[in-house]
Amino acid sequence: MAIYKRPIFSTLKTRILEKRKFIQVLAGPRQTGKTTLARQLMTELDMPSHYSTADEPALKGPAWIEQQWETARVYAGKKAGLLILDEIHKIAGWSETVKRLWDEDSAEDRHLQVILLGSAPLMIQDGLTESLAGRFEIIPVTHWSCTEMRDAFGWKFEEYIYYGGYPGSAELIHDEERWSRYIVDSLVEMTLSKDILMMKRVDKPALLRRLFDLASAYSGQILSYQKMVGQLHDAGNTTTIAHYLHLLDMAGLVKGLQKFSGKTVRQRASSPKLIVLNTALMTAQSSSNMESIQKDPELWGRLVESSVGATLINLMKSRGGEVFYWAGNNREVDFVIQHKNKLSAIEVKSGARKTCLPGMEAFAEMYPRCRKLLVGAQGIPLEQFLTDTESIVF
């Protein structure tokens, strides 16, 4: 069977072949295929290449970066070469060292192409903006889409809704217990205990974990910060909860969508709508299997809405748009897409009971030029929307 290449592979390959004077940065959650993409590139490109990762037991520092950089220079000689540094954010002071070496190559007209990989986007972003301004391009590596899981593993869209978009778990879905352990132990626990704690200071790790569990349980629902504090005993203040939710978002686990109002200040002050960024994060911790959840309209409906939301959020990360929800006067629009100067309002007919009435008409009165989309019953079929999201939304 041919090795599957994600659509972003061609983007990365084109940038390297064009010999752009920028560092290429692949940033995204764990187990989304960043390392595989890089290794596929090494195999396909006809140029001297060197790969190394900081994700090893041995203690590493700036000197390690210099050693790997010099190795790539030797391999390349006077030709174009490729250097790939994986998990670069785990090196203290990495951005300053990369800046110095990159500037040396630029001054001496060396043709070394550099790719940096990181599974903690916030750590990567901090280093880029502090030291490497004007020297990099980011390629977001998001969770796999329904189309990608279908093309790579032959999944049906119902399997995608339940099992999510982690390619490493695909071969385990016929053993539900083993699949669940993989998601919880290899992804959730590693992200919570390592990646997030590396990003920023977390004074209450236990609270962070409980917040993740709460957000997963309430995915697809609007929950005020005050209610979160009430659900999370000894939670402290709402500012702490908002900060921890932001860290979960940056780690690729859960996002709190803000209410669309057209005014940034009001958006930030709104109660968030919680959406897991991969539905496996919901189902792996559930006591129910796929068959029983499909028979429960409430549970399946929440899973469908979360899958649609995650698909939209992941798509907008690469397209530069934003995803919101809207609510007012006991009416709600499930998702609002803002891309450049265009608005799209999306209602999902998923089978889940709503606490608010559909709000498409009310929203359209406030924003008459918005595009109105219905996904599900009597609208765009769910399978079509999940497998062709980009052309439908844009």
Protein backbone atom coordinates (compact mmCIF):
# COMPACT_ATOMS: atom_id res chain seq x y z
CA MET A 1 0.00 0.00 0.00
CA ALA A 2 1.31 3.45 -0.91
CA ILE A 3 2.39 5.66 1.97
CA TYR A 4 -0.21 8.35 2.57
CA LYS A 5 0.93 11.95 2.37
CA ARG A 6 -1.17 14.68 3.95
CA PRO A 7 -2.18 17.62 1.72
CA ILE A 8 0.16 19.92 3.64
CA PHE A 9 3.08 17.78 2.47
CA SER A 10 2.96 19.41 -0.96
CA THR A 11 2.94 22.87 0.65
CA LEU A 12 6.03 22.06 2.67
CA LYS A 13 7.81 20.48 -0.28
CA THR A 14 7.10 23.49 -2.51
CA ARG A 15 8.49 25.89 0.06
CA ILE A 16 11.71 23.92 0.41
CA LEU A 17 12.21 23.53 -3.34
CA GLU A 18 11.66 27.27 -3.83
CA LYS A 19 14.58 27.78 -1.41
CA ARG A 20 12.71 30.43 0.52
CA LYS A 21 14.77 32.50 2.89
CA PHE A 22 12.61 31.50 5.84
CA ILE A 23 12.72 28.86 8.53
CA GLN A 24 9.76 26.49 8.10
CA VAL A 25 8.02 25.75 11.41
CA LEU A 26 5.66 22.79 11.81
CA ALA A 27 3.69 23.33 15.02
CA GLY A 28 0.78 21.26 16.28
CA PRO A 29 -0.49 18.76 18.84
CA ARG A 30 1.02 15.38 19.59
CA GLN A 31 0.45 12.50 17.18
CA THR A 32 -0.68 14.58 14.23
CA GLY A 33 2.15 13.47 11.94
CA LYS A 34 4.76 16.25 12.10
CA THR A 35 7.74 13.89 12.29
CA THR A 36 6.30 11.64 9.58
CA LEU A 37 5.86 14.64 7.29
CA ALA A 38 9.47 15.66 7.81
CA ARG A 39 10.81 12.17 7.17
CA GLN A 40 8.67 11.82 4.04
CA LEU A 41 10.20 15.04 2.80
CA MET A 42 13.74 13.76 3.40
CA THR A 43 12.94 10.63 1.39
CA GLU A 44 11.47 12.50 -1.55
CA LEU A 45 13.85 15.44 -1.89
CA ASP A 46 17.10 15.02 -3.77
CA MET A 47 19.30 16.94 -1.35
CA PRO A 48 21.58 16.16 1.61
CA SER A 49 19.39 15.99 4.71
CA HIS A 50 19.97 15.68 8.44
CA TYR A 51 17.31 14.94 11.09
CA SER A 52 17.70 15.05 14.87
CA THR A 53 15.33 15.27 17.80
CA ALA A 54 15.59 16.83 21.24
CA ASP A 55 13.04 14.33 22.56
CA GLU A 56 15.65 11.97 23.99
CA PRO A 57 16.75 11.20 27.58
CA ALA A 58 20.17 12.85 27.27
CA LEU A 59 20.35 16.44 28.57
CA LYS A 60 20.62 18.86 25.70
CA GLY A 61 21.33 22.56 25.40
CA PRO A 62 22.26 25.22 22.83
CA ALA A 63 25.48 23.34 22.04
CA TRP A 64 23.40 20.44 20.74
CA ILE A 65 21.70 22.74 18.23
CA GLU A 66 25.09 24.00 17.04
CA GLN A 67 26.34 20.42 16.60
CA GLN A 68 23.33 19.41 14.52
CA TRP A 69 23.53 22.60 12.47
CA GLU A 70 27.20 22.06 11.74
CA THR A 71 26.53 18.45 10.76
CA ALA A 72 23.95 19.62 8.22
CA ARG A 73 26.41 22.20 6.89
CA VAL A 74 29.01 19.48 6.36
CA TYR A 75 26.52 17.21 4.60
CA ALA A 76 25.39 20.02 2.30
CA GLY A 77 28.80 21.43 1.47
CA LYS A 78 28.24 24.14 -1.12
CA LYS A 79 24.93 22.66 -2.25
CA ALA A 80 21.41 23.14 -0.90
CA GLY A 81 20.84 21.05 2.20
CA LEU A 82 18.06 20.34 4.66
CA LEU A 83 18.19 20.39 8.47
CA ILE A 84 15.23 19.16 10.54
CA LEU A 85 15.20 19.72 14.30
CA ASP A 86 12.36 17.98 16.13
CA GLU A 87 10.89 18.97 19.52
CA ILE A 88 13.07 22.08 19.37
CA HIS A 89 11.10 23.86 22.13
CA LYS A 90 12.58 21.45 24.70
CA ILE A 91 15.94 23.19 24.41
CA ALA A 92 16.31 26.16 26.73
CA GLY A 93 17.19 29.31 24.78
CA TRP A 94 16.67 27.54 21.46
CA SER A 95 15.41 30.59 19.56
CA GLU A 96 18.48 32.73 20.26
CA THR A 97 20.80 29.97 19.08
CA VAL A 98 18.76 29.31 15.93
CA LYS A 99 18.69 33.05 15.14
CA ARG A 100 22.48 33.34 15.41
CA LEU A 101 23.14 30.28 13.23
CA TRP A 102 20.51 31.28 10.66
CA ASP A 103 21.95 34.77 10.39
CA GLU A 104 25.44 33.32 9.95
CA ASP A 105 24.22 31.20 7.03
CA SER A 106 22.43 34.18 5.48
CA ALA A 107 25.55 36.36 5.74
CA GLU A 108 27.76 33.67 4.20
CA ASP A 109 25.18 32.76 1.51
CA ARG A 110 24.82 29.15 2.62
CA HIS A 111 21.84 27.31 1.14
CA LEU A 112 20.71 25.38 4.19
CA GLN A 113 16.94 24.95 4.47
CA VAL A 114 15.73 24.54 8.06
CA ILE A 115 12.55 22.94 9.42
CA LEU A 116 11.68 23.16 13.11
CA LEU A 117 9.09 20.85 14.67
CA GLY A 118 7.29 21.34 17.98
CA SER A 119 4.33 19.80 19.79
CA ALA A 120 3.87 22.74 22.14
CA PRO A 121 2.66 25.57 19.86
CA LEU A 122 2.71 28.20 22.61
CA MET A 123 6.37 27.51 23.39
CA ILE A 124 7.21 27.62 19.69
CA GLN A 125 5.29 30.87 19.21
CA ASP A 126 7.03 32.57 22.13
CA GLY A 127 10.46 31.73 20.73
CA LEU A 128 9.56 32.82 17.23
CA THR A 129 8.17 36.22 18.18
CA GLU A 130 10.91 36.97 20.69
CA SER A 131 13.96 36.16 18.59
CA LEU A 132 13.09 35.08 15.06
CA ALA A 133 10.79 37.84 13.85
CA GLY A 134 10.85 38.07 10.05
CA ARG A 135 12.77 34.81 9.68
CA PHE A 136 10.09 32.12 9.78
CA GLU A 137 6.89 30.78 8.22
CA ILE A 138 4.48 28.62 10.23
CA ILE A 139 2.70 25.59 8.80
CA PRO A 140 0.04 24.56 11.33
CA VAL A 141 -0.22 20.77 11.63
CA THR A 142 -3.74 20.14 12.91
CA HIS A 143 -5.71 17.03 13.81
CA TRP A 144 -6.53 14.84 10.81
CA SER A 145 -9.73 15.56 8.94
CA CYS A 146 -12.46 13.10 8.03
CA THR A 147 -11.22 13.09 4.44
CA GLU A 148 -7.66 12.29 5.50
CA MET A 149 -8.72 9.41 7.77
CA ARG A 150 -10.93 8.08 4.96
CA ASP A 151 -8.20 8.29 2.32
CA ALA A 152 -5.44 6.90 4.55
CA PHE A 153 -7.37 4.18 6.45
CA GLY A 154 -10.67 3.70 4.66
CA TRP A 155 -12.75 5.01 7.56
CA LYS A 156 -16.44 5.75 7.23
CA PHE A 157 -17.57 9.15 8.47
CA GLU A 158 -19.34 7.54 11.47
CA GLU A 159 -16.01 6.03 12.52
CA TYR A 160 -14.40 9.44 12.26
CA ILE A 161 -17.06 11.03 14.44
CA TYR A 162 -16.54 8.41 17.14
CA TYR A 163 -12.79 7.65 16.92
CA GLY A 164 -11.59 11.14 15.96
CA GLY A 165 -8.53 12.04 13.92
CA TYR A 166 -5.43 10.46 15.48
CA PRO A 167 -3.69 8.42 12.76
CA GLY A 168 -1.64 6.42 15.26
CA SER A 169 -4.81 4.98 16.75
CA ALA A 170 -6.29 3.74 13.46
CA GLU A 171 -5.01 0.18 13.72
CA LEU A 172 -6.34 -0.15 17.29
CA ILE A 173 -10.02 0.63 16.79
CA HIS A 174 -10.99 -3.05 16.58
CA ASP A 175 -9.80 -3.45 20.18
CA GLU A 176 -11.77 -0.75 22.02
CA GLU A 177 -9.96 -1.13 25.34
CA ARG A 178 -6.54 -0.94 23.75
CA TRP A 179 -7.60 2.03 21.64
CA SER A 180 -8.88 3.87 24.72
CA ARG A 181 -5.64 3.24 26.62
CA TYR A 182 -3.62 4.60 23.72
CA ILE A 183 -5.63 7.83 23.60
CA VAL A 184 -5.60 8.37 27.37
CA ASP A 185 -2.05 7.22 28.17
CA SER A 186 -0.08 8.22 25.07
CA LEU A 187 -1.92 11.42 24.19
CA VAL A 188 -3.95 12.93 27.02
CA GLU A 189 -1.62 12.11 29.89
CA MET A 190 1.54 13.02 28.00
CA THR A 191 0.06 16.33 26.84
CA LEU A 192 -1.21 17.27 30.29
CA SER A 193 1.82 16.14 32.26
CA LYS A 194 4.55 17.25 29.86
CA ASP A 195 3.60 19.61 27.06
CA ILE A 196 1.33 21.99 28.98
CA LEU A 197 3.57 22.16 32.02
CA MET A 198 6.42 23.15 29.70
CA MET A 199 4.41 26.00 28.19
CA LYS A 200 3.66 28.19 31.15
CA ARG A 201 3.56 28.09 34.91
CA VAL A 202 0.72 25.91 36.23
CA ASP A 203 0.24 26.29 39.98
CA LYS A 204 -2.57 23.73 40.20
CA PRO A 205 -1.90 20.74 37.91
CA ALA A 206 -4.77 18.77 39.47
CA LEU A 207 -7.16 21.61 38.61
CA LEU A 208 -5.91 21.63 35.03
CA ARG A 209 -6.66 17.92 34.75
CA ARG A 210 -10.15 18.30 36.23
CA LEU A 211 -10.84 21.18 33.85
CA PHE A 212 -9.92 18.99 30.89
CA ASP A 213 -12.28 16.27 32.12
CA LEU A 214 -15.07 18.83 32.60
CA ALA A 215 -14.53 20.41 29.18
CA SER A 216 -14.58 16.99 27.50
CA ALA A 217 -17.81 16.07 29.28
CA TYR A 218 -19.46 19.38 28.30
CA SER A 219 -18.13 19.55 24.72
CA GLY A 220 -20.68 21.20 22.45
CA GLN A 221 -22.21 23.21 25.30
CA ILE A 222 -21.92 26.78 26.57
CA LEU A 223 -20.62 26.93 30.13
CA SER A 224 -19.84 30.12 32.01
CA TYR A 225 -16.57 30.45 33.89
CA GLN A 226 -18.53 30.90 37.09
CA LYS A 227 -20.30 27.57 36.54
CA MET A 228 -16.94 25.94 35.86
CA VAL A 229 -15.70 27.25 39.19
CA GLY A 230 -18.76 25.71 40.83
CA GLN A 231 -18.17 22.35 39.15
CA LEU A 232 -14.45 22.33 39.96
CA HIS A 233 -14.12 22.31 43.74
CA ASP A 234 -11.32 24.51 45.12
CA ALA A 235 -10.96 26.04 41.68
CA GLY A 236 -9.87 29.50 42.71
CA ASN A 237 -11.03 32.34 40.46
CA THR A 238 -12.41 32.56 36.96
CA THR A 239 -9.19 34.14 35.68
CA THR A 240 -7.28 30.95 36.53
CA ILE A 241 -9.90 28.81 34.77
CA ALA A 242 -9.78 31.00 31.65
CA HIS A 243 -5.97 30.78 31.61
CA TYR A 244 -5.95 26.99 31.96
CA LEU A 245 -8.57 26.65 29.23
CA HIS A 246 -6.30 28.69 26.96
CA LEU A 247 -3.42 26.29 27.69
CA LEU A 248 -5.64 23.31 26.82
CA ASP A 249 -6.44 25.05 23.54
CA MET A 250 -2.79 25.70 22.72
CA ALA A 251 -2.00 22.05 23.44
CA GLY A 252 -4.61 20.92 20.91
CA LEU A 253 -7.05 19.39 23.39
CA VAL A 254 -10.04 21.68 24.02
CA LYS A 255 -11.07 25.13 22.82
CA GLY A 256 -13.46 27.58 24.44
CA LEU A 257 -15.25 29.32 21.57
CA GLN A 258 -16.18 32.92 22.29
CA LYS A 259 -19.54 34.48 21.51
CA PHE A 260 -19.58 36.49 18.30
CA SER A 261 -20.52 40.10 18.86
CA GLY A 262 -18.43 42.05 16.36
CA LYS A 263 -16.63 43.62 19.31
CA THR A 264 -13.43 42.02 20.61
CA VAL A 265 -13.88 43.14 24.21
CA ARG A 266 -17.32 41.57 24.48
CA GLN A 267 -16.14 38.38 22.80
CA ARG A 268 -13.44 37.87 25.40
CA ALA A 269 -15.86 38.49 28.25
CA SER A 270 -18.43 35.94 27.06
CA SER A 271 -19.11 32.46 28.40
CA PRO A 272 -17.22 29.96 26.23
CA LYS A 273 -18.71 27.15 24.19
CA LEU A 274 -16.51 24.13 24.88
CA ILE A 275 -15.34 22.03 21.92
CA VAL A 276 -12.85 19.16 22.02
CA LEU A 277 -10.42 19.45 19.12
CA ASN A 278 -10.56 15.71 18.52
CA THR A 279 -13.63 13.66 19.42
CA ALA A 280 -11.44 10.75 20.56
CA LEU A 281 -10.85 12.85 23.67
CA MET A 282 -14.56 12.42 24.52
CA THR A 283 -15.14 8.80 23.58
CA ALA A 284 -11.90 7.28 24.91
CA GLN A 285 -12.97 8.22 28.43
CA SER A 286 -16.55 7.07 27.99
CA SER A 287 -17.95 3.83 29.42
CA SER A 288 -20.10 3.40 26.26
CA ASN A 289 -18.99 1.95 22.94
CA MET A 290 -19.70 3.25 19.44
CA GLU A 291 -22.81 1.10 18.90
CA SER A 292 -24.51 2.20 22.12
CA ILE A 293 -23.68 5.88 21.61
CA GLN A 294 -25.11 5.81 18.09
CA LYS A 295 -28.39 4.55 19.55
CA ASP A 296 -28.54 7.46 22.00
CA PRO A 297 -29.65 10.62 20.09
CA GLU A 298 -28.44 12.91 22.87
CA LEU A 299 -24.91 11.47 23.13
CA TRP A 300 -24.51 10.97 19.37
CA GLY A 301 -25.81 14.47 18.72
CA ARG A 302 -23.24 16.02 21.06
CA LEU A 303 -20.51 13.97 19.39
CA VAL A 304 -21.65 15.11 15.93
CA GLU A 305 -21.70 18.78 16.93
CA SER A 306 -18.26 18.45 18.54
CA SER A 307 -16.92 16.80 15.39
CA VAL A 308 -18.26 19.61 13.20
CA GLY A 309 -16.84 22.21 15.59
CA ALA A 310 -13.43 20.54 15.72
CA THR A 311 -13.36 20.30 11.92
CA LEU A 312 -14.09 24.01 11.58
CA ILE A 313 -11.55 25.05 14.22
CA ASN A 314 -8.78 22.95 12.71
CA LEU A 315 -9.57 24.25 9.23
CA MET A 316 -9.46 27.89 10.35
CA LYS A 317 -6.03 27.42 11.91
CA SER A 318 -4.61 26.92 8.45
CA ARG A 319 -6.86 29.44 6.68
CA GLY A 320 -6.48 32.32 9.13
CA GLY A 321 -10.16 32.61 10.06
CA GLU A 322 -11.91 32.38 13.42
CA VAL A 323 -14.74 30.28 14.80
CA PHE A 324 -17.34 31.62 17.25
CA TYR A 325 -20.84 30.78 18.43
CA TRP A 326 -23.71 33.21 18.88
CA ALA A 327 -26.48 33.39 21.48
CA GLY A 328 -29.10 35.92 22.51
CA ASN A 329 -32.67 35.98 23.85
CA ASN A 330 -32.67 32.21 24.36
CA ARG A 331 -31.59 31.61 20.77
CA GLU A 332 -28.32 30.17 19.53
CA VAL A 333 -26.28 29.70 16.35
CA ASP A 334 -24.00 26.71 16.72
CA PHE A 335 -21.00 28.15 14.85
CA VAL A 336 -20.11 31.47 13.26
CA ILE A 337 -17.15 31.61 10.86
CA GLN A 338 -15.36 34.91 10.29
CA HIS A 339 -12.88 34.80 7.45
CA LYS A 340 -11.54 38.11 6.23
CA ASN A 341 -14.67 40.24 5.80
CA LYS A 342 -17.11 37.37 5.32
CA LEU A 343 -19.44 35.76 7.86
CA SER A 344 -20.99 32.29 7.74
CA ALA A 345 -23.53 31.06 10.28
CA ILE A 346 -23.81 27.27 10.69
CA GLU A 347 -26.60 25.34 12.36
CA VAL A 348 -26.04 21.63 13.07
CA LYS A 349 -29.06 19.32 13.15
CA SER A 350 -27.47 16.58 15.21
CA GLY A 351 -30.27 15.07 17.28
CA ALA A 352 -29.05 16.52 20.56
CA ARG A 353 -31.58 18.40 22.67
CA LYS A 354 -30.87 22.13 22.72
CA THR A 355 -31.32 24.39 25.72
CA CYS A 356 -31.80 27.31 23.33
CA LEU A 357 -33.97 27.72 20.24
CA PRO A 358 -32.38 27.95 16.76
CA GLY A 359 -31.17 31.49 16.25
CA MET A 360 -30.41 31.69 12.53
CA GLU A 361 -33.18 34.18 11.76
CA ALA A 362 -32.30 36.42 14.71
CA PHE A 363 -28.61 36.35 13.78
CA ALA A 364 -29.41 37.10 10.13
CA GLU A 365 -31.42 40.17 11.17
CA MET A 366 -28.33 41.53 12.96
CA TYR A 367 -25.92 40.48 10.20
CA PRO A 368 -28.00 40.30 6.98
CA ARG A 369 -25.02 39.65 4.71
CA CYS A 370 -23.99 36.46 6.48
CA ARG A 371 -24.07 33.13 4.67
CA LYS A 372 -26.50 30.67 6.25
CA LEU A 373 -25.66 26.95 6.29
CA LEU A 374 -27.62 24.01 7.69
CA VAL A 375 -25.72 20.79 8.34
CA GLY A 376 -27.70 17.61 8.90
CA ALA A 377 -31.41 16.93 8.43
CA GLN A 378 -32.88 18.80 5.43
CA GLY A 379 -29.55 20.53 4.89
CA ILE A 380 -26.06 19.59 3.73
CA PRO A 381 -25.56 15.88 4.55
CA LEU A 382 -23.21 15.42 7.49
CA GLU A 383 -20.87 13.12 5.55
CA GLN A 384 -20.59 15.63 2.72
CA PHE A 385 -19.86 18.49 5.11
CA LEU A 386 -17.17 16.59 7.02
CA THR A 387 -15.42 15.35 3.87
CA ASP A 388 -15.69 18.57 1.86
CA THR A 389 -15.65 21.26 4.55
CA GLU A 390 -13.23 23.66 2.90
CA SER A 391 -15.06 23.98 -0.41
CA ILE A 392 -18.42 24.28 1.36
CA VAL A 393 -17.33 26.94 3.85
CA PHE A 394 -15.32 28.96 1.34
